[in-house]
C-alpha atoms as a PDB file:
ATOM      1  CA  MET A   1       7.341  -5.036  13.821  1.00  0.00           C
ATOM      2  CA  THR A   2       6.180  -4.297  17.374  1.00  0.00           C
ATOM      3  CA  ARG A   3       2.518  -5.091  18.075  1.00  0.00           C
ATOM      4  CA  MET A   4       0.867  -2.099  19.820  1.00  0.00           C
ATOM      5  CA  MET A   5      -2.411  -1.435  21.616  1.00  0.00           C
ATOM      6  CA  ILE A   6      -3.941   1.937  22.524  1.00  0.00           C
ATOM      7  CA  VAL A   7      -6.230   2.206  25.560  1.00  0.00           C
ATOM      8  CA  ASP A   8      -8.040   5.498  26.160  1.00  0.00           C
ATOM      9  CA  ASP A   9     -11.677   6.464  26.661  1.00  0.00           C
ATOM     10  CA  SER A  10     -11.217   9.412  24.294  1.00  0.00           C
ATOM     11  CA  GLU A  11     -11.937   8.176  20.768  1.00  0.00           C
ATOM     12  CA  GLU A  12     -10.377  11.348  19.380  1.00  0.00           C
ATOM     13  CA  LEU A  13      -7.099  10.703  21.192  1.00  0.00           C
ATOM     14  CA  ARG A  14      -7.066   7.018  20.184  1.00  0.00           C
ATOM     15  CA  LEU A  15      -7.583   7.907  16.534  1.00  0.00           C
ATOM     16  CA  ALA A  16      -4.927  10.641  16.592  1.00  0.00           C
ATOM     17  CA  MET A  17      -2.422   8.318  18.236  1.00  0.00           C
ATOM     18  CA  LYS A  18      -3.261   5.470  15.855  1.00  0.00           C
ATOM     19  CA  ASP A  19      -2.901   7.746  12.816  1.00  0.00           C
ATOM     20  CA  PHE A  20       0.477   8.989  14.087  1.00  0.00           C
ATOM     21  CA  LEU A  21       1.739   5.451  14.685  1.00  0.00           C
ATOM     22  CA  LEU A  22       0.491   4.164  11.321  1.00  0.00           C
ATOM     23  CA  ILE A  23       2.079   7.087   9.453  1.00  0.00           C
ATOM     24  CA  HIS A  24       5.371   6.040  11.043  1.00  0.00           C
ATOM     25  CA  ASN A  25       4.854   2.406   9.976  1.00  0.00           C
ATOM     26  CA  HIS A  26       3.974   0.951  13.379  1.00  0.00           C
ATOM     27  CA  ASN A  27       1.615  -1.995  13.857  1.00  0.00           C
ATOM     28  CA  VAL A  28      -1.479  -1.088  15.929  1.00  0.00           C
ATOM     29  CA  VAL A  29      -3.215  -4.407  16.589  1.00  0.00           C
ATOM     30  CA  ALA A  30      -5.906  -3.248  19.041  1.00  0.00           C
ATOM     31  CA  GLU A  31      -7.730  -0.331  20.624  1.00  0.00           C
ATOM     32  CA  ALA A  32      -9.847  -0.254  23.770  1.00  0.00           C
ATOM     33  CA  SER A  33     -11.978   2.406  25.444  1.00  0.00           C
ATOM     34  CA  ASP A  34     -12.312   0.899  28.929  1.00  0.00           C
ATOM     35  CA  GLY A  35     -10.493  -1.375  31.340  1.00  0.00           C
ATOM     36  CA  ILE A  36     -12.540  -4.518  30.722  1.00  0.00           C
ATOM     37  CA  GLU A  37     -12.135  -4.251  26.953  1.00  0.00           C
ATOM     38  CA  ALA A  38      -8.400  -3.557  27.422  1.00  0.00           C
ATOM     39  CA  ILE A  39      -7.881  -6.797  29.353  1.00  0.00           C
ATOM     40  CA  GLU A  40      -9.838  -8.835  26.794  1.00  0.00           C
ATOM     41  CA  LYS A  41      -7.934  -7.379  23.840  1.00  0.00           C
ATOM     42  CA  TYR A  42      -4.586  -7.650  25.630  1.00  0.00           C
ATOM     43  CA  HIS A  43      -5.068 -11.395  26.077  1.00  0.00           C
ATOM     44  CA  SER A  44      -6.475 -11.997  22.583  1.00  0.00           C
ATOM     45  CA  GLU A  45      -4.098  -9.775  20.570  1.00  0.00           C
ATOM     46  CA  LYS A  46      -0.959 -10.125  22.748  1.00  0.00           C
ATOM     47  CA  PRO A  47       0.512  -6.663  22.079  1.00  0.00           C
ATOM     48  CA  GLU A  48       4.153  -6.046  22.949  1.00  0.00           C
ATOM     49  CA  LEU A  49       3.590  -2.355  23.740  1.00  0.00           C
ATOM     50  CA  VAL A  50       0.501  -0.788  25.355  1.00  0.00           C
ATOM     51  CA  PHE A  51      -0.308   2.909  25.599  1.00  0.00           C
ATOM     52  CA  LEU A  52      -2.625   2.937  28.627  1.00  0.00           C
ATOM     53  CA  ASP A  53      -4.604   5.851  30.055  1.00  0.00           C
ATOM     54  CA  LEU A  54      -4.847   5.493  33.832  1.00  0.00           C
ATOM     55  CA  THR A  55      -8.276   7.164  34.082  1.00  0.00           C
ATOM     56  CA  ILE A  56     -10.555   4.916  32.023  1.00  0.00           C
ATOM     57  CA  PRO A  57     -14.069   3.648  32.815  1.00  0.00           C
ATOM     58  CA  LYS A  58     -15.154   0.237  34.183  1.00  0.00           C
ATOM     59  CA  LEU A  59     -11.680  -0.598  35.536  1.00  0.00           C
ATOM     60  CA  ASP A  60      -8.970   2.030  36.038  1.00  0.00           C
ATOM     61  CA  GLY A  61      -5.573   1.765  34.363  1.00  0.00           C
ATOM     62  CA  LEU A  62      -3.690   0.670  37.482  1.00  0.00           C
ATOM     63  CA  SER A  63      -6.138  -2.200  38.030  1.00  0.00           C
ATOM     64  CA  VAL A  64      -5.765  -3.150  34.369  1.00  0.00           C
ATOM     65  CA  LEU A  65      -1.968  -3.260  34.747  1.00  0.00           C
ATOM     66  CA  LYS A  66      -2.316  -5.928  37.424  1.00  0.00           C
ATOM     67  CA  LYS A  67      -4.021  -8.186  34.854  1.00  0.00           C
ATOM     68  CA  PHE A  68      -1.230  -7.823  32.270  1.00  0.00           C
ATOM     69  CA  ASP A  69       1.759 -10.155  32.050  1.00  0.00           C
ATOM     70  CA  LEU A  70       4.415  -7.419  31.936  1.00  0.00           C
ATOM     71  CA  LYS A  71       8.133  -7.661  31.357  1.00  0.00           C
ATOM     72  CA  ILE A  72       8.776  -3.908  31.532  1.00  0.00           C
ATOM     73  CA  LEU A  73       6.665  -1.055  32.859  1.00  0.00           C
ATOM     74  CA  LEU A  74       7.260   2.597  32.026  1.00  0.00           C
ATOM     75  CA  LEU A  75       4.929   4.979  33.804  1.00  0.00           C
ATOM     76  CA  LYS A  76       4.552   8.730  33.404  1.00  0.00           C
ATOM     77  CA  LEU A  77       2.090  10.534  35.645  1.00  0.00           C
END
């Protein structure tokens, strides 16, 4: 099962997305509300798929991407 992480400063959106993914039997291993937390959890939990908001506090999404070891990047603006 694919290990997923959700990064968004909106707790409501994170919870809605997590609920949707769990209902459909996906494995959400981490959540983060800012860029610093996202990097820490990315390295500790090693998710295979990350849903990343680009406008998050402390470190924006594009800066966070530079800290990830990515094989594939899909970006929708």
